[in-house]
C-alpha atoms as a PDB file:
ATOM      1  CA  MET A   1      -9.546   7.963  -8.347  1.00  0.00           C
ATOM      2  CA  PRO A   2     -11.327   4.394  -7.008  1.00  0.00           C
ATOM      3  CA  GLN A   3     -11.476   4.134  -3.116  1.00  0.00           C
ATOM      4  CA  ARG A   4      -9.896   1.129  -2.323  1.00  0.00           C
ATOM      5  CA  PRO A   5     -11.476  -1.155   0.715  1.00  0.00           C
ATOM      6  CA  THR A   6     -10.945  -0.643   3.885  1.00  0.00           C
ATOM      7  CA  SER A   7     -11.139  -3.012   6.791  1.00  0.00           C
ATOM      8  CA  VAL A   8     -10.418  -2.658  10.197  1.00  0.00           C
ATOM      9  CA  SER A   9     -10.307  -5.745  12.608  1.00  0.00           C
ATOM     10  CA  SER A  10     -10.471  -6.132  15.866  1.00  0.00           C
ATOM     11  CA  ARG A  11      -7.035  -6.562  16.712  1.00  0.00           C
ATOM     12  CA  ASP A  12      -6.359  -3.338  14.817  1.00  0.00           C
ATOM     13  CA  ILE A  13      -8.633  -1.520  17.281  1.00  0.00           C
ATOM     14  CA  GLU A  14      -6.622  -3.695  20.851  1.00  0.00           C
ATOM     15  CA  THR A  15      -3.507  -2.099  19.267  1.00  0.00           C
ATOM     16  CA  ALA A  16      -4.904   1.278  18.807  1.00  0.00           C
ATOM     17  CA  GLU A  17      -5.835   1.183  22.342  1.00  0.00           C
ATOM     18  CA  ALA A  18      -3.147  -0.429  23.729  1.00  0.00           C
ATOM     19  CA  ASP A  19      -1.244   2.933  21.260  1.00  0.00           C
ATOM     20  CA  GLU A  20      -3.713   4.788  22.912  1.00  0.00           C
ATOM     21  CA  THR A  21      -3.539   4.024  27.076  1.00  0.00           C
ATOM     22  CA  ASP A  22      -0.036   2.933  27.395  1.00  0.00           C
ATOM     23  CA  SER A  23       2.504   3.456  25.612  1.00  0.00           C
ATOM     24  CA  MET A  24       5.471   2.104  28.089  1.00  0.00           C
ATOM     25  CA  ALA A  25       3.849  -1.567  27.657  1.00  0.00           C
ATOM     26  CA  PRO A  26       5.867  -4.394  26.941  1.00  0.00           C
ATOM     27  CA  PRO A  27       6.286  -5.328  22.911  1.00  0.00           C
ATOM     28  CA  PRO A  28       4.263  -8.342  21.285  1.00  0.00           C
ATOM     29  CA  SER A  29       4.849 -11.597  21.355  1.00  0.00           C
ATOM     30  CA  GLN A  30       6.552 -12.816  18.524  1.00  0.00           C
ATOM     31  CA  GLN A  31       3.494 -15.105  17.520  1.00  0.00           C
ATOM     32  CA  HIS A  32       1.267 -12.424  18.254  1.00  0.00           C
ATOM     33  CA  THR A  33       3.101 -10.402  15.905  1.00  0.00           C
ATOM     34  CA  ALA A  34       3.034 -13.060  13.268  1.00  0.00           C
ATOM     35  CA  SER A  35       0.018 -13.400  13.419  1.00  0.00           C
ATOM     36  CA  TYR A  36      -1.191  -9.952  12.881  1.00  0.00           C
ATOM     37  CA  ILE A  37       1.300 -10.050  10.126  1.00  0.00           C
ATOM     38  CA  ALA A  38      -0.725 -12.936   8.356  1.00  0.00           C
ATOM     39  CA  ASP A  39      -3.786 -11.135   8.857  1.00  0.00           C
ATOM     40  CA  LEU A  40      -2.723  -8.356   6.928  1.00  0.00           C
ATOM     41  CA  THR A  41      -0.787 -10.444   3.802  1.00  0.00           C
ATOM     42  CA  THR A  42      -3.951 -11.786   3.666  1.00  0.00           C
ATOM     43  CA  GLU A  43      -6.247  -8.499   2.940  1.00  0.00           C
ATOM     44  CA  LEU A  44      -3.657  -7.086   0.793  1.00  0.00           C
ATOM     45  CA  SER A  45      -3.108 -10.344  -1.406  1.00  0.00           C
ATOM     46  CA  GLN A  46      -7.286 -10.175  -1.999  1.00  0.00           C
ATOM     47  CA  LEU A  47      -6.298  -6.496  -2.513  1.00  0.00           C
ATOM     48  CA  ALA A  48      -3.522  -7.567  -5.035  1.00  0.00           C
ATOM     49  CA  ARG A  49      -5.300 -10.323  -6.202  1.00  0.00           C
ATOM     50  CA  THR A  50      -8.769  -7.736  -7.365  1.00  0.00           C
ATOM     51  CA  SER A  51      -6.654  -5.222  -9.223  1.00  0.00           C
ATOM     52  CA  GLY A  52      -4.850  -8.272 -11.082  1.00  0.00           C
ATOM     53  CA  LEU A  53      -1.609  -7.894  -9.514  1.00  0.00           C
ATOM     54  CA  ASP A  54      -1.040 -11.410  -9.722  1.00  0.00           C
ATOM     55  CA  ILE A  55       2.714 -11.733  -9.077  1.00  0.00           C
ATOM     56  CA  LEU A  56       2.215  -9.275  -5.954  1.00  0.00           C
ATOM     57  CA  ALA A  57      -0.126 -11.414  -4.800  1.00  0.00           C
ATOM     58  CA  TYR A  58       1.368 -14.387  -4.743  1.00  0.00           C
ATOM     59  CA  LEU A  59       4.273 -12.773  -2.641  1.00  0.00           C
ATOM     60  CA  LEU A  60       2.145 -11.450  -0.441  1.00  0.00           C
ATOM     61  CA  ASP A  61       0.360 -15.360   0.305  1.00  0.00           C
ATOM     62  CA  ILE A  62       3.618 -16.253   0.339  1.00  0.00           C
ATOM     63  CA  ALA A  63       4.773 -13.783   3.465  1.00  0.00           C
ATOM     64  CA  GLN A  64       0.864 -15.038   4.807  1.00  0.00           C
ATOM     65  CA  LEU A  65       1.822 -19.116   5.030  1.00  0.00           C
ATOM     66  CA  GLU A  66       5.647 -17.886   6.995  1.00  0.00           C
ATOM     67  CA  ALA A  67       3.354 -15.391   8.955  1.00  0.00           C
ATOM     68  CA  SER A  68       0.922 -18.658   9.746  1.00  0.00           C
ATOM     69  CA  SER A  69       4.059 -20.878  10.476  1.00  0.00           C
ATOM     70  CA  THR A  70       6.134 -18.629  12.722  1.00  0.00           C
ATOM     71  CA  ALA A  71       2.371 -18.123  14.777  1.00  0.00           C
ATOM     72  CA  ARG A  72       2.268 -21.708  14.887  1.00  0.00           C
ATOM     73  CA  ARG A  73       5.824 -21.936  16.357  1.00  0.00           C
ATOM     74  CA  HIS A  74       5.496 -19.571  18.755  1.00  0.00           C
ATOM     75  CA  MET A  75       2.216 -20.931  20.749  1.00  0.00           C
ATOM     76  CA  PRO A  76       2.732 -20.763  23.520  1.00  0.00           C
ATOM     77  CA  GLY A  77       1.731 -24.954  25.269  1.00  0.00           C
ATOM     78  CA  PRO A  78       2.194 -27.593  27.633  1.00  0.00           C
ATOM     79  CA  GLY A  79       5.986 -26.087  29.836  1.00  0.00           C
ATOM     80  CA  ARG A  80       5.978 -23.679  27.308  1.00  0.00           C
ATOM     81  CA  ARG A  81       6.499 -20.220  27.426  1.00  0.00           C
END
């Protein structure tokens, strides 16, 4: 059985460290969550495409676009919290 490629982003490490050090931390912001989902779906789409799962890759691409758009909408800016 072929091994699937793994990669760990700095965000994964930060999230794991936060989970280990402070289980009472507030939940991540919508912007952070959407950005994280965009990163994950990008990697999953590439994996699906490499494996010839084109329809699944396409659906993951759509999810990535939506997550990226959501993250941008929720970015803090001047006068926004």
